[in-house]
Amino acid sequence: MSAPPAGRPIRVLRVIARLNVGGPALHVTYLARGLADRGYETTLVAGDVGRGEESMAFVAERAGVEVVSLPGLSRELSPLRDALAAF
């Protein structure tokens, strides 16, 4: 992947329901880091890790990827929390 065209950088927003242990958390972290290294402006938004799950936010932190927390966004369906996360 090459750098974005000269001028204003391309902005990429990635949203993941939770940064729990597993491949998707690694994927979004490494993709965000790789895009940033190529000049893209990236933002990674993550919801809440569920009960009994371990967080992989430390992987993003070590990679220099800032994670914006979105409380209420989670895997479980909840009309109230879903509305709060959307708001």
C-alpha atoms as a PDB file:
ATOM      1  CA  MET A   1       0.000   0.000   0.000  1.00  0.00           C
ATOM      2  CA  SER A   2       1.382   3.391  -0.903  1.00  0.00           C
ATOM      3  CA  ALA A   3       1.043   6.733   0.830  1.00  0.00           C
ATOM      4  CA  PRO A   4      -2.034   8.873   0.249  1.00  0.00           C
ATOM      5  CA  PRO A   5      -1.828  11.560  -2.439  1.00  0.00           C
ATOM      6  CA  ALA A   6      -0.139  14.833  -1.541  1.00  0.00           C
ATOM      7  CA  GLY A   7      -2.291  17.375   0.232  1.00  0.00           C
ATOM      8  CA  ARG A   8      -4.832  16.627   2.891  1.00  0.00           C
ATOM      9  CA  PRO A   9      -4.318  13.145   4.403  1.00  0.00           C
ATOM     10  CA  ILE A  10      -6.969  10.487   3.990  1.00  0.00           C
ATOM     11  CA  ARG A  11      -8.782   9.855   7.263  1.00  0.00           C
ATOM     12  CA  VAL A  12      -9.715   6.294   8.236  1.00  0.00           C
ATOM     13  CA  LEU A  13     -12.079   5.419  11.079  1.00  0.00           C
ATOM     14  CA  ARG A  14     -12.102   1.819  12.296  1.00  0.00           C
ATOM     15  CA  VAL A  15     -14.720   0.713  14.825  1.00  0.00           C
ATOM     16  CA  ILE A  16     -14.625  -2.587  16.687  1.00  0.00           C
ATOM     17  CA  ALA A  17     -17.204  -3.716  19.227  1.00  0.00           C
ATOM     18  CA  ARG A  18     -14.509  -4.882  21.645  1.00  0.00           C
ATOM     19  CA  LEU A  19     -10.741  -5.368  21.776  1.00  0.00           C
ATOM     20  CA  ASN A  20     -10.933  -8.816  23.345  1.00  0.00           C
ATOM     21  CA  VAL A  21      -8.348 -11.561  22.922  1.00  0.00           C
ATOM     22  CA  GLY A  22      -8.304 -12.754  19.339  1.00  0.00           C
ATOM     23  CA  GLY A  23      -7.478 -12.053  15.744  1.00  0.00           C
ATOM     24  CA  PRO A  24      -9.841  -9.140  15.066  1.00  0.00           C
ATOM     25  CA  ALA A  25      -8.223  -7.044  17.830  1.00  0.00           C
ATOM     26  CA  LEU A  26      -4.791  -7.740  16.356  1.00  0.00           C
ATOM     27  CA  HIS A  27      -6.016  -7.025  12.827  1.00  0.00           C
ATOM     28  CA  VAL A  28      -7.455  -3.574  13.602  1.00  0.00           C
ATOM     29  CA  THR A  29      -4.383  -2.633  15.645  1.00  0.00           C
ATOM     30  CA  TYR A  30      -1.831  -3.645  13.020  1.00  0.00           C
ATOM     31  CA  LEU A  31      -3.885  -2.118  10.213  1.00  0.00           C
ATOM     32  CA  ALA A  32      -4.207   1.199  12.068  1.00  0.00           C
ATOM     33  CA  ARG A  33      -0.438   1.242  12.737  1.00  0.00           C
ATOM     34  CA  GLY A  34       0.421   0.348   9.141  1.00  0.00           C
ATOM     35  CA  LEU A  35      -1.864   3.015   7.706  1.00  0.00           C
ATOM     36  CA  ALA A  36      -0.471   5.651  10.072  1.00  0.00           C
ATOM     37  CA  ASP A  37       3.070   4.696   9.028  1.00  0.00           C
ATOM     38  CA  ARG A  38       2.051   5.423   5.432  1.00  0.00           C
ATOM     39  CA  GLY A  39       0.662   8.870   6.186  1.00  0.00           C
ATOM     40  CA  TYR A  40      -3.014   8.123   6.711  1.00  0.00           C
ATOM     41  CA  GLU A  41      -4.839   9.727   9.632  1.00  0.00           C
ATOM     42  CA  THR A  42      -6.339   6.837  11.576  1.00  0.00           C
ATOM     43  CA  THR A  43      -8.711   6.578  14.505  1.00  0.00           C
ATOM     44  CA  LEU A  44      -9.534   3.317  16.264  1.00  0.00           C
ATOM     45  CA  VAL A  45     -12.754   3.216  18.292  1.00  0.00           C
ATOM     46  CA  ALA A  46     -13.495   0.271  20.586  1.00  0.00           C
ATOM     47  CA  GLY A  47     -16.398  -0.659  22.810  1.00  0.00           C
ATOM     48  CA  ASP A  48     -16.515  -2.534  26.084  1.00  0.00           C
ATOM     49  CA  VAL A  49     -14.920  -5.933  26.648  1.00  0.00           C
ATOM     50  CA  GLY A  50     -17.485  -8.412  27.953  1.00  0.00           C
ATOM     51  CA  ARG A  51     -17.521 -10.139  31.304  1.00  0.00           C
ATOM     52  CA  GLY A  52     -15.023 -12.953  31.462  1.00  0.00           C
ATOM     53  CA  GLU A  53     -13.067 -11.638  28.447  1.00  0.00           C
ATOM     54  CA  GLU A  54      -9.551 -10.273  28.538  1.00  0.00           C
ATOM     55  CA  SER A  55      -8.698  -6.985  26.830  1.00  0.00           C
ATOM     56  CA  MET A  56      -6.015  -6.638  24.169  1.00  0.00           C
ATOM     57  CA  ALA A  57      -5.901  -2.834  24.403  1.00  0.00           C
ATOM     58  CA  PHE A  58      -2.299  -3.244  25.571  1.00  0.00           C
ATOM     59  CA  VAL A  59      -1.364  -4.450  22.065  1.00  0.00           C
ATOM     60  CA  ALA A  60      -2.679  -1.215  20.554  1.00  0.00           C
ATOM     61  CA  GLU A  61      -0.903   0.820  23.239  1.00  0.00           C
ATOM     62  CA  ARG A  62       2.420  -0.912  22.563  1.00  0.00           C
ATOM     63  CA  ALA A  63       1.965  -0.339  18.818  1.00  0.00           C
ATOM     64  CA  GLY A  64       1.406   3.377  19.415  1.00  0.00           C
ATOM     65  CA  VAL A  65      -2.246   3.224  18.337  1.00  0.00           C
ATOM     66  CA  GLU A  66      -4.565   5.396  20.386  1.00  0.00           C
ATOM     67  CA  VAL A  67      -7.850   3.699  21.187  1.00  0.00           C
ATOM     68  CA  VAL A  68     -10.905   5.912  21.621  1.00  0.00           C
ATOM     69  CA  SER A  69     -13.256   4.217  24.074  1.00  0.00           C
ATOM     70  CA  LEU A  70     -16.958   4.187  23.257  1.00  0.00           C
ATOM     71  CA  PRO A  71     -18.784   3.096  26.427  1.00  0.00           C
ATOM     72  CA  GLY A  72     -21.940   1.140  25.748  1.00  0.00           C
ATOM     73  CA  LEU A  73     -20.733  -0.372  22.472  1.00  0.00           C
ATOM     74  CA  SER A  74     -20.491  -4.114  23.006  1.00  0.00           C
ATOM     75  CA  ARG A  75     -21.236  -7.477  21.487  1.00  0.00           C
ATOM     76  CA  GLU A  76     -24.381  -8.050  23.540  1.00  0.00           C
ATOM     77  CA  LEU A  77     -27.641  -6.536  22.307  1.00  0.00           C
ATOM     78  CA  SER A  78     -29.061  -3.908  24.621  1.00  0.00           C
ATOM     79  CA  PRO A  79     -31.500  -1.298  23.317  1.00  0.00           C
ATOM     80  CA  LEU A  80     -30.457   1.229  25.959  1.00  0.00           C
ATOM     81  CA  ARG A  81     -26.678   0.748  25.609  1.00  0.00           C
ATOM     82  CA  ASP A  82     -26.962   0.549  21.818  1.00  0.00           C
ATOM     83  CA  ALA A  83     -28.813   3.890  21.750  1.00  0.00           C
ATOM     84  CA  LEU A  84     -26.234   5.478  24.051  1.00  0.00           C
ATOM     85  CA  ALA A  85     -23.361   4.212  21.897  1.00  0.00           C
ATOM     86  CA  ALA A  86     -25.041   5.522  18.727  1.00  0.00           C
ATOM     87  CA  PHE A  87     -25.654   8.908  20.345  1.00  0.00           C
END
